[in-house]
């Protein structure tokens, strides 16, 4: 197993995404929220939350930037608007 260190500010692109509208009870207060498969510029892929999405902004191919990691939610990304 290969271990990668990914620093905040790392860029990637959305490969696929979904909007969670009916979450598990522990995340109910956060709905709706976006989960996306992100391909980093180095080729690695990971699942993470996209924080600043709005309808129409989040799309396959959109550029995102890693903001950090939340211990209970995993990687957190922000859309990079052109």
PDB file of N, CA and C in Angstrom:
ATOM      1  N   UNK A   1       0.850  -1.183   0.000  1.00  0.00           N
ATOM      2  CA  UNK A   1       0.000   0.000   0.000  1.00  0.00           C
ATOM      3  C   UNK A   1       0.891   1.241   0.000  1.00  0.00           C
ATOM      4  N   UNK A   2       0.594   2.155  -0.888  1.00  0.00           N
ATOM      5  CA  UNK A   2       1.342   3.398  -0.986  1.00  0.00           C
ATOM      6  C   UNK A   2       0.662   4.468  -0.148  1.00  0.00           C
ATOM      7  N   UNK A   3       1.439   5.235   0.591  1.00  0.00           N
ATOM      8  CA  UNK A   3       0.916   6.327   1.394  1.00  0.00           C
ATOM      9  C   UNK A   3       1.315   7.647   0.743  1.00  0.00           C
ATOM     10  N   UNK A   4       0.345   8.542   0.605  1.00  0.00           N
ATOM     11  CA  UNK A   4       0.587   9.846   0.013  1.00  0.00           C
ATOM     12  C   UNK A   4       0.359  10.925   1.065  1.00  0.00           C
ATOM     13  N   UNK A   5       1.134  11.967   1.012  1.00  0.00           N
ATOM     14  CA  UNK A   5       0.902  13.145   1.831  1.00  0.00           C
ATOM     15  C   UNK A   5       0.380  14.222   0.895  1.00  0.00           C
ATOM     16  N   UNK A   6      -0.817  14.687   1.173  1.00  0.00           N
ATOM     17  CA  UNK A   6      -1.445  15.687   0.310  1.00  0.00           C
ATOM     18  C   UNK A   6      -1.618  16.956   1.136  1.00  0.00           C
ATOM     19  N   UNK A   7      -1.025  18.024   0.674  1.00  0.00           N
ATOM     20  CA  UNK A   7      -1.011  19.282   1.407  1.00  0.00           C
ATOM     21  C   UNK A   7      -2.184  20.178   1.012  1.00  0.00           C
ATOM     22  N   UNK A   8      -2.700  20.982   1.950  1.00  0.00           N
ATOM     23  CA  UNK A   8      -3.693  21.989   1.581  1.00  0.00           C
ATOM     24  C   UNK A   8      -3.158  22.840   0.430  1.00  0.00           C
ATOM     25  N   UNK A   9      -4.042  23.195  -0.474  1.00  0.00           N
ATOM     26  CA  UNK A   9      -3.660  23.957  -1.652  1.00  0.00           C
ATOM     27  C   UNK A   9      -3.475  23.079  -2.876  1.00  0.00           C
ATOM     28  N   UNK A  10      -3.429  21.757  -2.676  1.00  0.00           N
ATOM     29  CA  UNK A  10      -3.302  20.833  -3.803  1.00  0.00           C
ATOM     30  C   UNK A  10      -4.536  20.938  -4.682  1.00  0.00           C
ATOM     31  N   UNK A  11      -4.325  21.009  -5.990  1.00  0.00           N
ATOM     32  CA  UNK A  11      -5.433  21.133  -6.937  1.00  0.00           C
ATOM     33  C   UNK A  11      -5.830  19.779  -7.501  1.00  0.00           C
ATOM     34  N   UNK A  12      -7.082  19.693  -7.914  1.00  0.00           N
ATOM     35  CA  UNK A  12      -7.594  18.498  -8.565  1.00  0.00           C
ATOM     36  C   UNK A  12      -8.829  18.852  -9.376  1.00  0.00           C
ATOM     37  N   UNK A  13      -9.440  17.813  -9.961  1.00  0.00           N
ATOM     38  CA  UNK A  13     -10.637  18.006 -10.777  1.00  0.00           C
ATOM     39  C   UNK A  13     -11.703  16.995 -10.379  1.00  0.00           C
ATOM     40  N   UNK A  14     -12.953  17.413 -10.459  1.00  0.00           N
ATOM     41  CA  UNK A  14     -14.075  16.549 -10.124  1.00  0.00           C
ATOM     42  C   UNK A  14     -14.242  15.500 -11.225  1.00  0.00           C
ATOM     43  N   UNK A  15     -14.241  14.229 -10.818  1.00  0.00           N
ATOM     44  CA  UNK A  15     -14.454  13.113 -11.738  1.00  0.00           C
ATOM     45  C   UNK A  15     -15.929  12.721 -11.724  1.00  0.00           C
ATOM     46  N   UNK A  16     -16.518  12.733 -10.530  1.00  0.00           N
ATOM     47  CA  UNK A  16     -17.929  12.407 -10.348  1.00  0.00           C
ATOM     48  C   UNK A  16     -18.374  13.040  -9.037  1.00  0.00           C
ATOM     49  N   UNK A  17     -19.667  13.252  -8.873  1.00  0.00           N
ATOM     50  CA  UNK A  17     -20.153  13.832  -7.627  1.00  0.00           C
ATOM     51  C   UNK A  17     -21.604  13.456  -7.391  1.00  0.00           C
ATOM     52  N   UNK A  18     -22.031  13.639  -6.155  1.00  0.00           N
ATOM     53  CA  UNK A  18     -23.432  13.463  -5.786  1.00  0.00           C
ATOM     54  C   UNK A  18     -23.770  14.490  -4.712  1.00  0.00           C
ATOM     55  N   UNK A  19     -25.027  14.859  -4.665  1.00  0.00           N
ATOM     56  CA  UNK A  19     -25.524  15.759  -3.635  1.00  0.00           C
ATOM     57  C   UNK A  19     -26.316  14.909  -2.645  1.00  0.00           C
ATOM     58  N   UNK A  20     -25.913  14.944  -1.389  1.00  0.00           N
ATOM     59  CA  UNK A  20     -26.598  14.175  -0.350  1.00  0.00           C
ATOM     60  C   UNK A  20     -27.704  15.050   0.227  1.00  0.00           C
ATOM     61  N   UNK A  21     -28.932  14.634  -0.011  1.00  0.00           N
ATOM     62  CA  UNK A  21     -30.092  15.387   0.484  1.00  0.00           C
ATOM     63  C   UNK A  21     -30.743  14.707   1.684  1.00  0.00           C
ATOM     64  N   UNK A  22     -30.597  13.390   1.786  1.00  0.00           N
ATOM     65  CA  UNK A  22     -31.148  12.628   2.906  1.00  0.00           C
ATOM     66  C   UNK A  22     -29.984  11.880   3.549  1.00  0.00           C
ATOM     67  N   UNK A  23     -29.296  12.533   4.483  1.00  0.00           N
ATOM     68  CA  UNK A  23     -28.078  11.969   5.066  1.00  0.00           C
ATOM     69  C   UNK A  23     -28.375  11.063   6.261  1.00  0.00           C
ATOM     70  N   UNK A  24     -27.342  10.371   6.736  1.00  0.00           N
ATOM     71  CA  UNK A  24     -27.477   9.667   8.015  1.00  0.00           C
ATOM     72  C   UNK A  24     -27.787  10.687   9.115  1.00  0.00           C
ATOM     73  N   UNK A  25     -28.369  10.223  10.191  1.00  0.00           N
ATOM     74  CA  UNK A  25     -28.803  11.118  11.276  1.00  0.00           C
ATOM     75  C   UNK A  25     -27.676  12.011  11.786  1.00  0.00           C
ATOM     76  N   UNK A  26     -26.459  11.492  11.850  1.00  0.00           N
ATOM     77  CA  UNK A  26     -25.355  12.293  12.403  1.00  0.00           C
ATOM     78  C   UNK A  26     -24.943  13.465  11.511  1.00  0.00           C
ATOM     79  N   UNK A  27     -25.395  13.474  10.254  1.00  0.00           N
ATOM     80  CA  UNK A  27     -25.068  14.569   9.335  1.00  0.00           C
ATOM     81  C   UNK A  27     -26.318  15.348   8.896  1.00  0.00           C
ATOM     82  N   UNK A  28     -27.444  15.092   9.538  1.00  0.00           N
ATOM     83  CA  UNK A  28     -28.716  15.691   9.114  1.00  0.00           C
ATOM     84  C   UNK A  28     -28.669  17.217   9.076  1.00  0.00           C
ATOM     85  N   UNK A  29     -27.991  17.839  10.016  1.00  0.00           N
ATOM     86  CA  UNK A  29     -27.956  19.306  10.071  1.00  0.00           C
ATOM     87  C   UNK A  29     -27.133  19.909   8.939  1.00  0.00           C
ATOM     88  N   UNK A  30     -26.341  19.099   8.237  1.00  0.00           N
ATOM     89  CA  UNK A  30     -25.466  19.603   7.182  1.00  0.00           C
ATOM     90  C   UNK A  30     -26.048  19.447   5.779  1.00  0.00           C
ATOM     91  N   UNK A  31     -27.158  18.766   5.645  1.00  0.00           N
ATOM     92  CA  UNK A  31     -27.732  18.514   4.319  1.00  0.00           C
ATOM     93  C   UNK A  31     -28.366  19.771   3.758  1.00  0.00           C
ATOM     94  N   UNK A  32     -28.352  19.941   2.467  1.00  0.00           N
ATOM     95  CA  UNK A  32     -27.667  19.092   1.489  1.00  0.00           C
ATOM     96  C   UNK A  32     -26.164  19.399   1.451  1.00  0.00           C
ATOM     97  N   UNK A  33     -25.375  18.375   1.141  1.00  0.00           N
ATOM     98  CA  UNK A  33     -23.939  18.561   0.990  1.00  0.00           C
ATOM     99  C   UNK A  33     -23.440  17.726  -0.180  1.00  0.00           C
ATOM    100  N   UNK A  34     -22.289  18.111  -0.701  1.00  0.00           N
ATOM    101  CA  UNK A  34     -21.751  17.479  -1.908  1.00  0.00           C
ATOM    102  C   UNK A  34     -20.565  16.589  -1.563  1.00  0.00           C
ATOM    103  N   UNK A  35     -20.571  15.383  -2.126  1.00  0.00           N
ATOM    104  CA  UNK A  35     -19.431  14.475  -2.084  1.00  0.00           C
ATOM    105  C   UNK A  35     -18.952  14.302  -3.510  1.00  0.00           C
ATOM    106  N   UNK A  36     -17.640  14.297  -3.693  1.00  0.00           N
ATOM    107  CA  UNK A  36     -17.098  14.175  -5.048  1.00  0.00           C
ATOM    108  C   UNK A  36     -15.879  13.261  -5.060  1.00  0.00           C
ATOM    109  N   UNK A  37     -15.709  12.559  -6.157  1.00  0.00           N
ATOM    110  CA  UNK A  37     -14.460  11.855  -6.414  1.00  0.00           C
ATOM    111  C   UNK A  37     -13.567  12.871  -7.110  1.00  0.00           C
ATOM    112  N   UNK A  38     -12.410  13.120  -6.512  1.00  0.00           N
ATOM    113  CA  UNK A  38     -11.478  14.123  -7.002  1.00  0.00           C
ATOM    114  C   UNK A  38     -10.234  13.431  -7.530  1.00  0.00           C
ATOM    115  N   UNK A  39      -9.821  13.799  -8.726  1.00  0.00           N
ATOM    116  CA  UNK A  39      -8.535  13.342  -9.242  1.00  0.00           C
ATOM    117  C   UNK A  39      -7.547  14.473  -9.061  1.00  0.00           C
ATOM    118  N   UNK A  40      -6.542  14.220  -8.226  1.00  0.00           N
ATOM    119  CA  UNK A  40      -5.515  15.229  -7.969  1.00  0.00           C
ATOM    120  C   UNK A  40      -4.588  15.333  -9.164  1.00  0.00           C
ATOM    121  N   UNK A  41      -3.868  16.433  -9.248  1.00  0.00           N
ATOM    122  CA  UNK A  41      -2.975  16.650 -10.378  1.00  0.00           C
ATOM    123  C   UNK A  41      -1.900  15.573 -10.482  1.00  0.00           C
ATOM    124  N   UNK A  42      -1.595  14.885  -9.373  1.00  0.00           N
ATOM    125  CA  UNK A  42      -0.636  13.790  -9.392  1.00  0.00           C
ATOM    126  C   UNK A  42      -1.229  12.467  -9.847  1.00  0.00           C
ATOM    127  N   UNK A  43      -2.547  12.428 -10.109  1.00  0.00           N
ATOM    128  CA  UNK A  43      -3.201  11.222 -10.595  1.00  0.00           C
ATOM    129  C   UNK A  43      -3.940  10.423  -9.532  1.00  0.00           C
ATOM    130  N   UNK A  44      -3.720  10.715  -8.252  1.00  0.00           N
ATOM    131  CA  UNK A  44      -4.420  10.011  -7.193  1.00  0.00           C
ATOM    132  C   UNK A  44      -5.881  10.438  -7.172  1.00  0.00           C
ATOM    133  N   UNK A  45      -6.754   9.516  -6.771  1.00  0.00           N
ATOM    134  CA  UNK A  45      -8.176   9.837  -6.635  1.00  0.00           C
ATOM    135  C   UNK A  45      -8.615   9.609  -5.203  1.00  0.00           C
ATOM    136  N   UNK A  46      -9.491  10.484  -4.718  1.00  0.00           N
ATOM    137  CA  UNK A  46     -10.039  10.310  -3.388  1.00  0.00           C
ATOM    138  C   UNK A  46     -11.426  10.915  -3.322  1.00  0.00           C
ATOM    139  N   UNK A  47     -12.173  10.479  -2.321  1.00  0.00           N
ATOM    140  CA  UNK A  47     -13.525  10.967  -2.089  1.00  0.00           C
ATOM    141  C   UNK A  47     -13.452  12.076  -1.050  1.00  0.00           C
ATOM    142  N   UNK A  48     -14.117  13.190  -1.312  1.00  0.00           N
ATOM    143  CA  UNK A  48     -14.107  14.291  -0.358  1.00  0.00           C
ATOM    144  C   UNK A  48     -15.340  15.155  -0.481  1.00  0.00           C
ATOM    145  N   UNK A  49     -15.515  16.020   0.480  1.00  0.00           N
ATOM    146  CA  UNK A  49     -16.637  16.964   0.458  1.00  0.00           C
ATOM    147  C   UNK A  49     -16.219  18.240  -0.256  1.00  0.00           C
ATOM    148  N   UNK A  50     -17.155  18.807  -0.995  1.00  0.00           N
ATOM    149  CA  UNK A  50     -16.945  20.098  -1.657  1.00  0.00           C
ATOM    150  C   UNK A  50     -17.779  21.103  -0.869  1.00  0.00           C
ATOM    151  N   UNK A  51     -17.114  22.121  -0.329  1.00  0.00           N
ATOM    152  CA  UNK A  51     -17.752  23.017   0.628  1.00  0.00           C
ATOM    153  C   UNK A  51     -18.556  24.159   0.026  1.00  0.00           C
ATOM    154  N   UNK A  52     -18.074  24.773  -1.010  1.00  0.00           N
ATOM    155  CA  UNK A  52     -18.702  26.017  -1.480  1.00  0.00           C
ATOM    156  C   UNK A  52     -19.466  25.838  -2.785  1.00  0.00           C
ATOM    157  N   UNK A  53     -20.141  24.729  -2.938  1.00  0.00           N
ATOM    158  CA  UNK A  53     -20.880  24.455  -4.174  1.00  0.00           C
ATOM    159  C   UNK A  53     -22.242  25.153  -4.155  1.00  0.00           C
ATOM    160  N   UNK A  54     -22.703  25.441  -5.329  1.00  0.00           N
ATOM    161  CA  UNK A  54     -24.070  25.920  -5.538  1.00  0.00           C
ATOM    162  C   UNK A  54     -24.582  25.222  -6.777  1.00  0.00           C
ATOM    163  N   UNK A  55     -25.887  25.155  -6.916  1.00  0.00           N
ATOM    164  CA  UNK A  55     -26.452  24.496  -8.090  1.00  0.00           C
ATOM    165  C   UNK A  55     -25.889  25.136  -9.357  1.00  0.00           C
ATOM    166  N   UNK A  56     -25.381  24.312 -10.249  1.00  0.00           N
ATOM    167  CA  UNK A  56     -24.811  24.798 -11.497  1.00  0.00           C
ATOM    168  C   UNK A  56     -23.317  25.012 -11.432  1.00  0.00           C
ATOM    169  N   UNK A  57     -22.756  25.226 -10.231  1.00  0.00           N
ATOM    170  CA  UNK A  57     -21.311  25.436 -10.089  1.00  0.00           C
ATOM    171  C   UNK A  57     -20.543  24.119 -10.072  1.00  0.00           C
ATOM    172  N   UNK A  58     -21.089  23.125  -9.395  1.00  0.00           N
ATOM    173  CA  UNK A  58     -20.405  21.846  -9.259  1.00  0.00           C
ATOM    174  C   UNK A  58     -20.683  21.015 -10.509  1.00  0.00           C
ATOM    175  N   UNK A  59     -19.606  20.625 -11.194  1.00  0.00           N
ATOM    176  CA  UNK A  59     -19.737  19.888 -12.445  1.00  0.00           C
ATOM    177  C   UNK A  59     -18.526  18.990 -12.629  1.00  0.00           C
ATOM    178  N   UNK A  60     -18.694  17.946 -13.405  1.00  0.00           N
ATOM    179  CA  UNK A  60     -17.569  17.093 -13.757  1.00  0.00           C
ATOM    180  C   UNK A  60     -16.546  17.949 -14.491  1.00  0.00           C
ATOM    181  N   UNK A  61     -15.294  17.835 -14.078  1.00  0.00           N
ATOM    182  CA  UNK A  61     -14.222  18.635 -14.665  1.00  0.00           C
ATOM    183  C   UNK A  61     -13.913  19.910 -13.912  1.00  0.00           C
ATOM    184  N   UNK A  62     -14.772  20.294 -12.954  1.00  0.00           N
ATOM    185  CA  UNK A  62     -14.524  21.520 -12.184  1.00  0.00           C
ATOM    186  C   UNK A  62     -13.222  21.397 -11.398  1.00  0.00           C
ATOM    187  N   UNK A  63     -12.504  22.495 -11.285  1.00  0.00           N
ATOM    188  CA  UNK A  63     -11.260  22.522 -10.520  1.00  0.00           C
ATOM    189  C   UNK A  63     -11.580  22.766  -9.049  1.00  0.00           C
ATOM    190  N   UNK A  64     -10.923  21.997  -8.186  1.00  0.00           N
ATOM    191  CA  UNK A  64     -11.088  22.144  -6.750  1.00  0.00           C
ATOM    192  C   UNK A  64      -9.723  22.231  -6.086  1.00  0.00           C
ATOM    193  N   UNK A  65      -9.701  22.781  -4.877  1.00  0.00           N
ATOM    194  CA  UNK A  65      -8.472  22.913  -4.101  1.00  0.00           C
ATOM    195  C   UNK A  65      -8.696  22.299  -2.724  1.00  0.00           C
ATOM    196  N   UNK A  66      -7.757  21.489  -2.270  1.00  0.00           N
ATOM    197  CA  UNK A  66      -7.845  20.893  -0.945  1.00  0.00           C
ATOM    198  C   UNK A  66      -7.686  21.991   0.112  1.00  0.00           C
ATOM    199  N   UNK A  67      -8.667  22.079   1.014  1.00  0.00           N
ATOM    200  CA  UNK A  67      -8.618  23.066   2.096  1.00  0.00           C
ATOM    201  C   UNK A  67      -8.053  22.463   3.366  1.00  0.00           C
ATOM    202  N   UNK A  68      -8.258  21.170   3.561  1.00  0.00           N
ATOM    203  CA  UNK A  68      -7.776  20.525   4.775  1.00  0.00           C
ATOM    204  C   UNK A  68      -8.502  19.210   4.994  1.00  0.00           C
ATOM    205  N   UNK A  69      -8.325  18.665   6.181  1.00  0.00           N
ATOM    206  CA  UNK A  69      -8.917  17.375   6.549  1.00  0.00           C
ATOM    207  C   UNK A  69      -9.706  17.537   7.827  1.00  0.00           C
ATOM    208  N   UNK A  70     -10.877  16.959   7.863  1.00  0.00           N
ATOM    209  CA  UNK A  70     -11.689  16.913   9.067  1.00  0.00           C
ATOM    210  C   UNK A  70     -11.648  15.468   9.557  1.00  0.00           C
ATOM    211  N   UNK A  71     -11.332  15.222  10.821  1.00  0.00           N
ATOM    212  CA  UNK A  71     -11.192  13.855  11.308  1.00  0.00           C
ATOM    213  C   UNK A  71     -12.437  12.986  11.096  1.00  0.00           C
ATOM    214  N   UNK A  72     -13.622  13.576  11.150  1.00  0.00           N
ATOM    215  CA  UNK A  72     -14.841  12.780  10.987  1.00  0.00           C
ATOM    216  C   UNK A  72     -15.441  12.871   9.588  1.00  0.00           C
ATOM    217  N   UNK A  73     -14.938  13.780   8.754  1.00  0.00           N
ATOM    218  CA  UNK A  73     -15.522  13.974   7.426  1.00  0.00           C
ATOM    219  C   UNK A  73     -14.527  13.752   6.289  1.00  0.00           C
ATOM    220  N   UNK A  74     -13.268  13.653   6.605  1.00  0.00           N
ATOM    221  CA  UNK A  74     -12.259  13.410   5.568  1.00  0.00           C
ATOM    222  C   UNK A  74     -11.805  14.678   4.883  1.00  0.00           C
ATOM    223  N   UNK A  75     -11.334  14.563   3.620  1.00  0.00           N
ATOM    224  CA  UNK A  75     -10.809  15.726   2.912  1.00  0.00           C
ATOM    225  C   UNK A  75     -11.915  16.731   2.559  1.00  0.00           C
ATOM    226  N   UNK A  76     -11.572  18.001   2.689  1.00  0.00           N
ATOM    227  CA  UNK A  76     -12.503  19.091   2.386  1.00  0.00           C
ATOM    228  C   UNK A  76     -11.927  19.922   1.247  1.00  0.00           C
ATOM    229  N   UNK A  77     -12.730  20.095   0.205  1.00  0.00           N
ATOM    230  CA  UNK A  77     -12.307  20.837  -0.978  1.00  0.00           C
ATOM    231  C   UNK A  77     -13.172  22.076  -1.174  1.00  0.00           C
ATOM    232  N   UNK A  78     -12.627  23.039  -1.892  1.00  0.00           N
ATOM    233  CA  UNK A  78     -13.372  24.229  -2.333  1.00  0.00           C
ATOM    234  C   UNK A  78     -13.254  24.325  -3.837  1.00  0.00           C
ATOM    235  N   UNK A  79     -14.364  24.732  -4.462  1.00  0.00           N
ATOM    236  CA  UNK A  79     -14.332  24.980  -5.902  1.00  0.00           C
ATOM    237  C   UNK A  79     -13.430  26.174  -6.180  1.00  0.00           C
ATOM    238  N   UNK A  80     -12.676  26.084  -7.247  1.00  0.00           N
ATOM    239  CA  UNK A  80     -11.851  27.201  -7.702  1.00  0.00           C
ATOM    240  C   UNK A  80     -12.603  27.821  -8.865  1.00  0.00           C
ATOM    241  N   UNK A  81     -13.087  29.020  -8.647  1.00  0.00           N
ATOM    242  CA  UNK A  81     -13.850  29.693  -9.701  1.00  0.00           C
ATOM    243  C   UNK A  81     -12.886  30.436 -10.625  1.00  0.00           C
ATOM    244  N   UNK A  82     -13.113  30.299 -11.929  1.00  0.00           N
ATOM    245  CA  UNK A  82     -12.207  30.971 -12.896  1.00  0.00           C
ATOM    246  C   UNK A  82     -12.280  32.482 -12.793  1.00  0.00           C
TER     247      UNK A  82
END
